[in-house]
């Protein structure tokens, strides 16, 4: 056993002891899959698959820590500008993962509810059907909520909510004077009832939030943690460090 394998579990326990306030909702920008692949000299597709595998492992950590909601930024509306073969591979990978939800032992054990946030109209039929299947299979689960931001853009989500409200106004179901913050929130993300974001994490040494959940995160002044590891190299220690940032913010706020 090398020194790192000996020290990391001790450091992990030390960080865990510092956590008194566990965030209810963490949003993660999983950055660095492509750079991870380049670093290893492998195909980009292998980097994305390594990132997907790390996501599954991270769910164990989140559940163990008592986090109730995780929202993952997996594919933005801007990502459609990438090379066609990369986009096709990603959609195939997403479809595979959504289809696996139905029989995933982890989903049953943790009672995970899987939901997509984003513009479904932008997805190919096969992927959209897989998303529908995962959501239907888990709709009664309430132990843990996993939200997948797919074909997602922060400004676009507000536009979609505005369209729904305007349609209700046009049909006489809503009066313009009744439109308030609560109503907008009810129409965000297709009315899925996703709570405010407590903490945003971004990996890959990028220092920006990239238009991610602007209403639920920026509007509620969530804590933000940027870290260097590419997403496939993200560790439980990194998650605990991020939560420590949230802990410090809560301590200062309540102090």
C-alpha atoms as a PDB file:
ATOM      1  CA  UNK A   1       0.000   0.000   0.000  1.00  0.00           C
ATOM      2  CA  UNK A   2       1.427   3.384  -0.984  1.00  0.00           C
ATOM      3  CA  UNK A   3       1.334   6.460   1.233  1.00  0.00           C
ATOM      4  CA  UNK A   4      -1.580   8.027  -0.634  1.00  0.00           C
ATOM      5  CA  UNK A   5      -3.801   4.977  -0.108  1.00  0.00           C
ATOM      6  CA  UNK A   6      -2.956   5.135   3.589  1.00  0.00           C
ATOM      7  CA  UNK A   7      -3.502   8.863   4.088  1.00  0.00           C
ATOM      8  CA  UNK A   8      -6.627   9.458   1.968  1.00  0.00           C
ATOM      9  CA  UNK A   9      -9.048   7.430   4.153  1.00  0.00           C
ATOM     10  CA  UNK A  10      -7.810   9.315   7.220  1.00  0.00           C
ATOM     11  CA  UNK A  11      -8.227  12.658   5.476  1.00  0.00           C
ATOM     12  CA  UNK A  12     -11.674  11.635   4.275  1.00  0.00           C
ATOM     13  CA  UNK A  13     -12.737  10.882   7.857  1.00  0.00           C
ATOM     14  CA  UNK A  14     -11.283  14.214   8.983  1.00  0.00           C
ATOM     15  CA  UNK A  15     -13.320  16.094   6.378  1.00  0.00           C
ATOM     16  CA  UNK A  16     -16.465  14.153   7.252  1.00  0.00           C
ATOM     17  CA  UNK A  17     -16.110  15.151  10.900  1.00  0.00           C
ATOM     18  CA  UNK A  18     -16.161  18.818   9.870  1.00  0.00           C
ATOM     19  CA  UNK A  19     -19.525  18.545   8.132  1.00  0.00           C
ATOM     20  CA  UNK A  20     -22.489  19.589  10.227  1.00  0.00           C
ATOM     21  CA  UNK A  21     -24.678  21.075   7.493  1.00  0.00           C
ATOM     22  CA  UNK A  22     -25.310  18.715   4.581  1.00  0.00           C
ATOM     23  CA  UNK A  23     -26.680  20.460   1.487  1.00  0.00           C
ATOM     24  CA  UNK A  24     -30.067  19.236   0.347  1.00  0.00           C
ATOM     25  CA  UNK A  25     -29.415  19.888  -3.358  1.00  0.00           C
ATOM     26  CA  UNK A  26     -26.043  19.777  -5.112  1.00  0.00           C
ATOM     27  CA  UNK A  27     -25.645  20.644  -8.784  1.00  0.00           C
ATOM     28  CA  UNK A  28     -22.522  19.380 -10.555  1.00  0.00           C
ATOM     29  CA  UNK A  29     -20.930  20.581 -13.787  1.00  0.00           C
ATOM     30  CA  UNK A  30     -19.009  17.475 -14.835  1.00  0.00           C
ATOM     31  CA  UNK A  31     -16.169  19.020 -16.795  1.00  0.00           C
ATOM     32  CA  UNK A  32     -12.978  17.453 -18.110  1.00  0.00           C
ATOM     33  CA  UNK A  33     -13.949  14.162 -19.771  1.00  0.00           C
ATOM     34  CA  UNK A  34     -12.388  15.154 -23.101  1.00  0.00           C
ATOM     35  CA  UNK A  35      -9.221  16.545 -21.527  1.00  0.00           C
ATOM     36  CA  UNK A  36      -8.933  13.393 -19.433  1.00  0.00           C
ATOM     37  CA  UNK A  37      -9.039  11.319 -22.623  1.00  0.00           C
ATOM     38  CA  UNK A  38      -6.396  13.492 -24.293  1.00  0.00           C
ATOM     39  CA  UNK A  39      -4.185  13.183 -21.240  1.00  0.00           C
ATOM     40  CA  UNK A  40      -4.335   9.399 -21.487  1.00  0.00           C
ATOM     41  CA  UNK A  41      -4.008   9.423 -25.265  1.00  0.00           C
ATOM     42  CA  UNK A  42      -7.313   7.590 -25.789  1.00  0.00           C
ATOM     43  CA  UNK A  43     -10.470   8.279 -27.780  1.00  0.00           C
ATOM     44  CA  UNK A  44     -12.823  10.994 -26.529  1.00  0.00           C
ATOM     45  CA  UNK A  45     -15.536   8.352 -26.198  1.00  0.00           C
ATOM     46  CA  UNK A  46     -13.479   6.570 -23.533  1.00  0.00           C
ATOM     47  CA  UNK A  47     -13.251   9.784 -21.555  1.00  0.00           C
ATOM     48  CA  UNK A  48     -17.018  10.200 -21.601  1.00  0.00           C
ATOM     49  CA  UNK A  49     -17.545   6.605 -20.511  1.00  0.00           C
ATOM     50  CA  UNK A  50     -15.040   7.033 -17.671  1.00  0.00           C
ATOM     51  CA  UNK A  51     -16.994  10.102 -16.600  1.00  0.00           C
ATOM     52  CA  UNK A  52     -20.277   8.165 -16.660  1.00  0.00           C
ATOM     53  CA  UNK A  53     -18.730   5.449 -14.492  1.00  0.00           C
ATOM     54  CA  UNK A  54     -17.546   8.062 -11.987  1.00  0.00           C
ATOM     55  CA  UNK A  55     -21.068   9.486 -11.868  1.00  0.00           C
ATOM     56  CA  UNK A  56     -22.437   6.127 -10.759  1.00  0.00           C
ATOM     57  CA  UNK A  57     -19.802   5.891  -8.029  1.00  0.00           C
ATOM     58  CA  UNK A  58     -20.552   9.433  -6.895  1.00  0.00           C
ATOM     59  CA  UNK A  59     -24.190   8.516  -6.276  1.00  0.00           C
ATOM     60  CA  UNK A  60     -23.027   6.126  -3.548  1.00  0.00           C
ATOM     61  CA  UNK A  61     -21.070   8.931  -1.874  1.00  0.00           C
ATOM     62  CA  UNK A  62     -23.974  11.378  -2.085  1.00  0.00           C
ATOM     63  CA  UNK A  63     -26.453   8.903  -0.643  1.00  0.00           C
ATOM     64  CA  UNK A  64     -24.035   7.986   2.145  1.00  0.00           C
ATOM     65  CA  UNK A  65     -23.687  11.660   3.090  1.00  0.00           C
ATOM     66  CA  UNK A  66     -27.446  12.235   3.195  1.00  0.00           C
ATOM     67  CA  UNK A  67     -27.763  14.466   0.131  1.00  0.00           C
ATOM     68  CA  UNK A  68     -31.317  14.286  -1.221  1.00  0.00           C
ATOM     69  CA  UNK A  69     -31.058  15.935  -4.653  1.00  0.00           C
ATOM     70  CA  UNK A  70     -28.293  15.804  -7.262  1.00  0.00           C
ATOM     71  CA  UNK A  71     -28.541  17.635 -10.591  1.00  0.00           C
ATOM     72  CA  UNK A  72     -25.901  16.738 -13.175  1.00  0.00           C
ATOM     73  CA  UNK A  73     -25.035  18.977 -16.119  1.00  0.00           C
ATOM     74  CA  UNK A  74     -24.464  16.302 -18.740  1.00  0.00           C
ATOM     75  CA  UNK A  75     -25.154  18.021 -22.066  1.00  0.00           C
ATOM     76  CA  UNK A  76     -25.867  21.691 -22.739  1.00  0.00           C
ATOM     77  CA  UNK A  77     -27.656  23.292 -25.663  1.00  0.00           C
ATOM     78  CA  UNK A  78     -24.235  24.672 -26.674  1.00  0.00           C
ATOM     79  CA  UNK A  79     -22.827  21.122 -26.873  1.00  0.00           C
ATOM     80  CA  UNK A  80     -24.838  20.507 -30.040  1.00  0.00           C
ATOM     81  CA  UNK A  81     -22.092  22.416 -31.859  1.00  0.00           C
ATOM     82  CA  UNK A  82     -19.584  19.613 -31.188  1.00  0.00           C
ATOM     83  CA  UNK A  83     -18.570  17.131 -33.883  1.00  0.00           C
ATOM     84  CA  UNK A  84     -21.451  14.953 -35.035  1.00  0.00           C
ATOM     85  CA  UNK A  85     -19.773  11.659 -34.127  1.00  0.00           C
ATOM     86  CA  UNK A  86     -19.074  12.851 -30.571  1.00  0.00           C
ATOM     87  CA  UNK A  87     -22.674  13.995 -30.104  1.00  0.00           C
ATOM     88  CA  UNK A  88     -23.959  10.703 -31.510  1.00  0.00           C
ATOM     89  CA  UNK A  89     -21.732   8.740 -29.134  1.00  0.00           C
ATOM     90  CA  UNK A  90     -22.888  10.795 -26.157  1.00  0.00           C
ATOM     91  CA  UNK A  91     -26.535  10.288 -27.033  1.00  0.00           C
ATOM     92  CA  UNK A  92     -25.938   6.546 -27.366  1.00  0.00           C
ATOM     93  CA  UNK A  93     -24.205   6.523 -23.965  1.00  0.00           C
ATOM     94  CA  UNK A  94     -27.028   8.503 -22.351  1.00  0.00           C
ATOM     95  CA  UNK A  95     -29.601   6.145 -23.867  1.00  0.00           C
ATOM     96  CA  UNK A  96     -27.704   3.139 -22.514  1.00  0.00           C
ATOM     97  CA  UNK A  97     -27.582   4.627 -19.011  1.00  0.00           C
ATOM     98  CA  UNK A  98     -31.262   5.635 -18.987  1.00  0.00           C
ATOM     99  CA  UNK A  99     -32.314   2.166 -20.144  1.00  0.00           C
ATOM    100  CA  UNK A 100     -30.227   0.571 -17.389  1.00  0.00           C
ATOM    101  CA  UNK A 101     -32.138   2.546 -14.754  1.00  0.00           C
ATOM    102  CA  UNK A 102     -35.047   0.107 -14.946  1.00  0.00           C
ATOM    103  CA  UNK A 103     -32.913  -2.794 -13.716  1.00  0.00           C
ATOM    104  CA  UNK A 104     -30.168  -0.966 -11.779  1.00  0.00           C
ATOM    105  CA  UNK A 105     -29.822  -2.426  -8.296  1.00  0.00           C
ATOM    106  CA  UNK A 106     -28.567   0.922  -6.967  1.00  0.00           C
ATOM    107  CA  UNK A 107     -31.759   2.637  -8.142  1.00  0.00           C
ATOM    108  CA  UNK A 108     -33.874   0.100  -6.256  1.00  0.00           C
ATOM    109  CA  UNK A 109     -31.707   0.132  -3.130  1.00  0.00           C
ATOM    110  CA  UNK A 110     -31.621   3.919  -2.785  1.00  0.00           C
ATOM    111  CA  UNK A 111     -35.126   4.434  -4.212  1.00  0.00           C
ATOM    112  CA  UNK A 112     -33.758   6.907  -6.749  1.00  0.00           C
ATOM    113  CA  UNK A 113     -36.164   9.008  -8.762  1.00  0.00           C
ATOM    114  CA  UNK A 114     -34.650   9.906 -12.138  1.00  0.00           C
ATOM    115  CA  UNK A 115     -35.831  12.997 -13.976  1.00  0.00           C
ATOM    116  CA  UNK A 116     -34.580  14.933 -16.977  1.00  0.00           C
ATOM    117  CA  UNK A 117     -34.392  18.716 -17.091  1.00  0.00           C
ATOM    118  CA  UNK A 118     -33.877  20.337 -20.475  1.00  0.00           C
ATOM    119  CA  UNK A 119     -35.521  20.617 -23.859  1.00  0.00           C
ATOM    120  CA  UNK A 120     -36.863  17.182 -24.812  1.00  0.00           C
ATOM    121  CA  UNK A 121     -37.731  18.411 -28.297  1.00  0.00           C
ATOM    122  CA  UNK A 122     -34.011  18.564 -29.088  1.00  0.00           C
ATOM    123  CA  UNK A 123     -33.393  14.868 -28.341  1.00  0.00           C
ATOM    124  CA  UNK A 124     -33.503  12.038 -30.890  1.00  0.00           C
ATOM    125  CA  UNK A 125     -36.495   9.736 -30.574  1.00  0.00           C
ATOM    126  CA  UNK A 126     -34.564   6.771 -29.146  1.00  0.00           C
ATOM    127  CA  UNK A 127     -33.015   8.798 -26.347  1.00  0.00           C
ATOM    128  CA  UNK A 128     -36.283  10.551 -25.558  1.00  0.00           C
ATOM    129  CA  UNK A 129     -38.029   7.168 -25.255  1.00  0.00           C
ATOM    130  CA  UNK A 130     -35.291   5.927 -22.884  1.00  0.00           C
ATOM    131  CA  UNK A 131     -35.696   9.049 -20.736  1.00  0.00           C
ATOM    132  CA  UNK A 132     -39.467   8.508 -20.609  1.00  0.00           C
ATOM    133  CA  UNK A 133     -38.926   4.886 -19.586  1.00  0.00           C
ATOM    134  CA  UNK A 134     -36.549   5.805 -16.741  1.00  0.00           C
ATOM    135  CA  UNK A 135     -38.842   8.521 -15.446  1.00  0.00           C
ATOM    136  CA  UNK A 136     -41.889   6.256 -15.548  1.00  0.00           C
ATOM    137  CA  UNK A 137     -40.065   3.391 -13.810  1.00  0.00           C
ATOM    138  CA  UNK A 138     -38.890   5.602 -10.934  1.00  0.00           C
ATOM    139  CA  UNK A 139     -41.761   8.075 -10.567  1.00  0.00           C
ATOM    140  CA  UNK A 140     -42.847   6.648  -7.205  1.00  0.00           C
ATOM    141  CA  UNK A 141     -39.359   6.626  -5.671  1.00  0.00           C
ATOM    142  CA  UNK A 142     -38.653   9.244  -3.029  1.00  0.00           C
ATOM    143  CA  UNK A 143     -35.426   8.225  -1.340  1.00  0.00           C
ATOM    144  CA  UNK A 144     -33.067  10.181  -3.581  1.00  0.00           C
ATOM    145  CA  UNK A 145     -33.615  12.485  -6.553  1.00  0.00           C
ATOM    146  CA  UNK A 146     -31.304  12.418  -9.568  1.00  0.00           C
ATOM    147  CA  UNK A 147     -31.933  15.148 -12.127  1.00  0.00           C
ATOM    148  CA  UNK A 148     -30.150  14.879 -15.471  1.00  0.00           C
ATOM    149  CA  UNK A 149     -29.671  18.225 -17.243  1.00  0.00           C
ATOM    150  CA  UNK A 150     -29.737  17.165 -20.880  1.00  0.00           C
ATOM    151  CA  UNK A 151     -30.129  19.476 -23.896  1.00  0.00           C
ATOM    152  CA  UNK A 152     -30.150  22.072 -21.159  1.00  0.00           C
ATOM    153  CA  UNK A 153     -29.563  25.841 -21.146  1.00  0.00           C
ATOM    154  CA  UNK A 154     -30.243  28.133 -18.216  1.00  0.00           C
ATOM    155  CA  UNK A 155     -31.802  30.918 -20.266  1.00  0.00           C
ATOM    156  CA  UNK A 156     -33.713  28.380 -22.331  1.00  0.00           C
ATOM    157  CA  UNK A 157     -35.354  26.900 -19.226  1.00  0.00           C
ATOM    158  CA  UNK A 158     -36.742  30.334 -18.324  1.00  0.00           C
ATOM    159  CA  UNK A 159     -37.978  30.831 -21.907  1.00  0.00           C
ATOM    160  CA  UNK A 160     -39.787  27.470 -21.792  1.00  0.00           C
ATOM    161  CA  UNK A 161     -41.415  28.373 -18.462  1.00  0.00           C
ATOM    162  CA  UNK A 162     -42.497  31.748 -19.895  1.00  0.00           C
ATOM    163  CA  UNK A 163     -44.093  30.029 -22.892  1.00  0.00           C
ATOM    164  CA  UNK A 164     -46.118  27.747 -20.621  1.00  0.00           C
ATOM    165  CA  UNK A 165     -47.349  30.674 -18.536  1.00  0.00           C
ATOM    166  CA  UNK A 166     -48.225  32.755 -21.601  1.00  0.00           C
ATOM    167  CA  UNK A 167     -50.180  29.829 -23.024  1.00  0.00           C
ATOM    168  CA  UNK A 168     -52.126  29.610 -19.767  1.00  0.00           C
ATOM    169  CA  UNK A 169     -52.822  33.358 -19.965  1.00  0.00           C
ATOM    170  CA  UNK A 170     -54.012  33.023 -23.573  1.00  0.00           C
ATOM    171  CA  UNK A 171     -56.410  30.252 -22.531  1.00  0.00           C
ATOM    172  CA  UNK A 172     -57.782  32.381 -19.707  1.00  0.00           C
ATOM    173  CA  UNK A 173     -56.426  30.066 -16.995  1.00  0.00           C
ATOM    174  CA  UNK A 174     -54.109  32.701 -15.522  1.00  0.00           C
ATOM    175  CA  UNK A 175     -54.425  36.473 -15.179  1.00  0.00           C
ATOM    176  CA  UNK A 176     -51.246  38.489 -15.928  1.00  0.00           C
ATOM    177  CA  UNK A 177     -51.433  40.070 -12.481  1.00  0.00           C
ATOM    178  CA  UNK A 178     -51.255  36.612 -10.874  1.00  0.00           C
ATOM    179  CA  UNK A 179     -47.805  35.862 -12.305  1.00  0.00           C
ATOM    180  CA  UNK A 180     -45.291  35.823  -9.451  1.00  0.00           C
ATOM    181  CA  UNK A 181     -42.098  34.043  -8.360  1.00  0.00           C
ATOM    182  CA  UNK A 182     -43.995  30.999  -7.120  1.00  0.00           C
ATOM    183  CA  UNK A 183     -45.783  30.552 -10.430  1.00  0.00           C
ATOM    184  CA  UNK A 184     -42.554  30.822 -12.433  1.00  0.00           C
ATOM    185  CA  UNK A 185     -40.908  28.216 -10.206  1.00  0.00           C
ATOM    186  CA  UNK A 186     -43.875  25.886 -10.682  1.00  0.00           C
ATOM    187  CA  UNK A 187     -43.334  26.008 -14.445  1.00  0.00           C
ATOM    188  CA  UNK A 188     -39.566  25.587 -14.415  1.00  0.00           C
ATOM    189  CA  UNK A 189     -38.303  22.168 -15.528  1.00  0.00           C
ATOM    190  CA  UNK A 190     -41.757  21.046 -16.559  1.00  0.00           C
ATOM    191  CA  UNK A 191     -43.134  21.453 -13.044  1.00  0.00           C
ATOM    192  CA  UNK A 192     -40.878  18.770 -11.550  1.00  0.00           C
ATOM    193  CA  UNK A 193     -40.606  20.583  -8.223  1.00  0.00           C
ATOM    194  CA  UNK A 194     -36.813  20.700  -8.082  1.00  0.00           C
ATOM    195  CA  UNK A 195     -35.710  22.591  -4.931  1.00  0.00           C
ATOM    196  CA  UNK A 196     -33.264  25.512  -4.758  1.00  0.00           C
ATOM    197  CA  UNK A 197     -29.593  24.636  -5.270  1.00  0.00           C
ATOM    198  CA  UNK A 198     -27.442  24.815  -2.131  1.00  0.00           C
ATOM    199  CA  UNK A 199     -24.084  24.070  -3.749  1.00  0.00           C
ATOM    200  CA  UNK A 200     -22.683  24.071  -7.286  1.00  0.00           C
ATOM    201  CA  UNK A 201     -19.549  22.024  -7.995  1.00  0.00           C
ATOM    202  CA  UNK A 202     -17.508  22.387 -11.169  1.00  0.00           C
ATOM    203  CA  UNK A 203     -14.600  20.101 -11.975  1.00  0.00           C
ATOM    204  CA  UNK A 204     -11.841  20.434 -14.574  1.00  0.00           C
ATOM    205  CA  UNK A 205     -10.280  23.667 -13.268  1.00  0.00           C
ATOM    206  CA  UNK A 206     -12.868  25.900 -14.952  1.00  0.00           C
ATOM    207  CA  UNK A 207     -14.046  28.916 -12.954  1.00  0.00           C
ATOM    208  CA  UNK A 208     -17.530  29.625 -14.297  1.00  0.00           C
ATOM    209  CA  UNK A 209     -21.028  28.265 -13.781  1.00  0.00           C
ATOM    210  CA  UNK A 210     -21.928  28.202 -17.490  1.00  0.00           C
ATOM    211  CA  UNK A 211     -25.548  29.292 -17.312  1.00  0.00           C
ATOM    212  CA  UNK A 212     -26.432  26.339 -15.063  1.00  0.00           C
ATOM    213  CA  UNK A 213     -29.707  26.530 -13.120  1.00  0.00           C
ATOM    214  CA  UNK A 214     -29.655  30.359 -12.926  1.00  0.00           C
ATOM    215  CA  UNK A 215     -33.027  30.628 -11.199  1.00  0.00           C
ATOM    216  CA  UNK A 216     -32.479  27.881  -8.623  1.00  0.00           C
ATOM    217  CA  UNK A 217     -28.766  28.556  -8.005  1.00  0.00           C
ATOM    218  CA  UNK A 218     -27.946  32.208  -8.639  1.00  0.00           C
ATOM    219  CA  UNK A 219     -31.407  33.287  -7.557  1.00  0.00           C
ATOM    220  CA  UNK A 220     -30.898  31.566  -4.191  1.00  0.00           C
ATOM    221  CA  UNK A 221     -27.222  32.549  -3.749  1.00  0.00           C
ATOM    222  CA  UNK A 222     -25.904  29.002  -3.672  1.00  0.00           C
ATOM    223  CA  UNK A 223     -22.335  28.261  -2.619  1.00  0.00           C
ATOM    224  CA  UNK A 224     -19.922  27.456  -5.468  1.00  0.00           C
ATOM    225  CA  UNK A 225     -16.880  25.173  -5.413  1.00  0.00           C
ATOM    226  CA  UNK A 226     -14.389  24.933  -8.288  1.00  0.00           C
ATOM    227  CA  UNK A 227     -11.810  22.158  -8.287  1.00  0.00           C
ATOM    228  CA  UNK A 228      -8.986  20.972 -10.529  1.00  0.00           C
ATOM    229  CA  UNK A 229      -9.618  17.242 -11.094  1.00  0.00           C
ATOM    230  CA  UNK A 230     -11.188  16.211 -14.387  1.00  0.00           C
ATOM    231  CA  UNK A 231     -14.567  14.624 -13.723  1.00  0.00           C
ATOM    232  CA  UNK A 232     -13.344  11.008 -14.163  1.00  0.00           C
ATOM    233  CA  UNK A 233     -10.750  11.711 -11.417  1.00  0.00           C
ATOM    234  CA  UNK A 234     -13.201  13.299  -8.972  1.00  0.00           C
ATOM    235  CA  UNK A 235     -12.993  11.656  -5.522  1.00  0.00           C
ATOM    236  CA  UNK A 236     -15.126  11.506  -2.422  1.00  0.00           C
ATOM    237  CA  UNK A 237     -12.512  13.782  -0.839  1.00  0.00           C
ATOM    238  CA  UNK A 238     -13.300  16.405  -3.481  1.00  0.00           C
ATOM    239  CA  UNK A 239     -17.010  16.106  -2.735  1.00  0.00           C
ATOM    240  CA  UNK A 240     -16.334  16.551   0.983  1.00  0.00           C
ATOM    241  CA  UNK A 241     -14.152  19.588   0.295  1.00  0.00           C
ATOM    242  CA  UNK A 242     -17.005  21.096  -1.686  1.00  0.00           C
ATOM    243  CA  UNK A 243     -19.430  20.422   1.158  1.00  0.00           C
ATOM    244  CA  UNK A 244     -16.945  22.045   3.543  1.00  0.00           C
ATOM    245  CA  UNK A 245     -17.273  25.222   1.432  1.00  0.00           C
ATOM    246  CA  UNK A 246     -21.030  25.040   1.906  1.00  0.00           C
ATOM    247  CA  UNK A 247     -20.477  24.385   5.616  1.00  0.00           C
ATOM    248  CA  UNK A 248     -18.330  27.508   5.930  1.00  0.00           C
ATOM    249  CA  UNK A 249     -20.948  29.601   4.157  1.00  0.00           C
ATOM    250  CA  UNK A 250     -23.705  28.300   6.429  1.00  0.00           C
ATOM    251  CA  UNK A 251     -21.589  28.923   9.533  1.00  0.00           C
ATOM    252  CA  UNK A 252     -20.882  32.496   8.458  1.00  0.00           C
ATOM    253  CA  UNK A 253     -24.543  33.049   7.565  1.00  0.00           C
ATOM    254  CA  UNK A 254     -25.793  31.755  10.904  1.00  0.00           C
ATOM    255  CA  UNK A 255     -22.982  33.251  12.956  1.00  0.00           C
END
